[in-house]
Protein backbone atom coordinates (compact mmCIF):
# COMPACT_ATOMS: atom_id res chain seq x y z
CA MET A 1 285.35 115.99 148.51
CA LEU A 2 288.85 115.47 147.21
CA THR A 3 288.17 117.02 143.81
CA ALA A 4 285.25 119.37 144.60
CA ARG A 5 283.32 117.71 141.75
CA PRO A 6 280.16 115.61 142.16
CA ALA A 7 280.78 111.88 142.38
CA GLY A 8 279.90 109.71 139.41
CA ARG A 9 280.64 112.31 136.77
CA HIS A 10 284.26 111.43 136.25
CA ALA A 11 286.55 108.43 136.48
CA PRO A 12 287.46 107.34 140.00
CA ILE A 13 290.70 108.75 141.37
CA PHE A 14 291.56 105.65 143.41
CA GLY A 15 291.21 102.01 142.49
CA VAL A 16 289.05 99.89 144.77
CA ILE A 17 290.00 96.42 145.92
CA THR A 18 287.35 94.47 147.79
CA ALA A 19 288.58 92.10 150.49
CA LYS A 20 286.36 89.19 151.54
CA ASP A 21 286.79 86.83 154.47
CA CYS A 22 284.21 84.34 153.20
CA GLU A 23 285.99 81.71 151.12
CA SER A 24 282.76 80.18 149.77
CA LEU A 25 281.64 83.60 148.43
CA TYR A 26 285.10 84.24 147.00
CA ASP A 27 285.05 80.84 145.25
CA ALA A 28 281.52 81.42 143.90
CA LEU A 29 282.53 84.80 142.48
CA HIS A 30 285.49 83.24 140.64
CA GLN A 31 283.67 80.22 139.19
CA LEU A 32 281.99 80.53 135.81
CA THR A 33 278.97 78.59 137.04
CA PRO A 34 278.90 78.57 140.84
CA ARG A 35 277.46 75.41 142.37
CA LEU A 36 275.11 76.89 144.93
CA ALA A 37 272.03 75.22 146.42
CA GLU A 38 269.74 78.26 146.42
CA LYS A 39 268.90 80.21 143.26
CA ARG A 40 268.54 83.36 145.38
CA ILE A 41 272.24 83.13 146.27
CA VAL A 42 273.17 82.61 142.60
CA ILE A 43 271.32 85.85 141.82
CA ASP A 44 273.16 87.63 144.65
CA VAL A 45 276.51 86.40 143.29
CA ALA A 46 275.60 87.59 139.78
CA SER A 47 274.65 90.98 141.24
CA ILE A 48 278.00 91.29 143.02
CA ARG A 49 279.80 90.37 139.78
CA GLY A 50 277.87 93.14 138.01
CA GLU A 51 278.91 95.74 140.57
CA ALA A 52 282.53 94.79 141.17
CA SER A 53 285.37 93.64 139.00
CA VAL A 54 286.10 90.04 140.00
CA GLN A 55 289.80 90.71 139.37
CA ASP A 56 289.74 93.26 142.19
CA ILE A 57 288.28 90.94 144.83
CA ARG A 58 290.76 89.42 147.27
CA LEU A 59 290.38 86.70 149.87
CA ILE A 60 291.63 87.39 153.37
CA PRO A 61 293.21 84.16 154.66
CA ALA A 62 291.82 82.87 157.96
CA THR A 63 295.27 83.27 159.53
CA HIS A 64 294.99 87.05 159.00
CA MET A 65 291.51 87.48 160.49
CA ILE A 66 292.55 88.83 163.86
CA ALA A 67 289.07 90.18 164.66
CA ASP A 68 287.71 86.60 164.74
CA GLY A 69 288.70 86.67 168.40
CA MET A 70 285.76 89.02 169.04
CA ALA A 71 283.18 86.89 167.23
CA LYS A 72 284.16 83.30 167.93
CA GLU A 73 284.54 81.41 171.18
CA ASP A 74 288.07 80.15 170.81
CA ALA A 75 290.86 80.75 173.32
CA LYS A 76 293.59 80.80 170.66
CA LEU A 77 291.71 83.41 168.59
CA ARG A 78 291.19 85.58 171.68
CA GLU A 79 294.87 85.22 172.57
CA ASN A 80 295.86 86.34 169.03
CA LEU A 81 293.51 89.34 169.26
CA THR A 82 294.82 90.34 172.69
CA GLY A 83 298.40 90.04 171.45
CA PHE A 84 297.60 92.25 168.48
CA VAL A 85 295.87 94.88 170.63
CA ASP A 86 298.86 94.93 173.00
CA ASN A 87 301.41 95.14 170.18
CA PRO A 88 299.80 96.05 166.83
CA MET A 89 302.11 95.12 163.98
CA PHE A 90 301.20 95.36 160.30
CA SER A 91 302.87 94.15 157.14
CA LEU A 92 302.24 95.88 153.86
CA VAL A 93 302.47 93.63 150.85
CA ALA A 94 302.03 94.22 147.15
CA SER A 95 298.57 93.37 145.89
CA ILE A 96 298.51 90.27 143.74
CA SER A 97 296.13 89.60 140.89
CA CYS A 98 293.49 86.90 140.97
CA ASP A 99 295.43 84.97 138.32
CA GLU A 100 298.44 84.87 140.64
CA LEU A 101 296.22 83.82 143.54
CA THR A 102 294.39 81.10 141.61
CA GLY A 103 297.16 79.97 139.32
CA GLY A 104 295.14 81.17 136.33
CA ASP A 105 292.51 78.40 136.51
CA GLY A 106 289.95 80.16 138.72
CA GLN A 107 290.46 77.72 141.59
CA HIS A 108 291.75 79.07 144.90
CA GLN A 109 295.14 77.75 145.98
CA GLN A 110 296.71 78.17 149.41
CA LYS A 111 300.08 79.92 149.33
């Protein structure tokens, strides 16, 4: 649509960064050999790795998941959601690499 050329026949115009809110999936994607109980899930993780560059997958911290107030029964989460709907404020930040996020060792660190 943007280039009037069929998709898939040229390099992408925009980079894609995938954001996940599931820390266990994020950790499994960044471990060389994920320790998962079910082989089916290991296959799913390998499939995701094959489709997406692991370096372009980001974890959304729980503190930034405002929509949790719609899915979970928690008064504080609902209060945060209501406050955001009443006064939506966003902060744009530079994207960081996975090495910066993990400290280069593949293990997630809280910042």
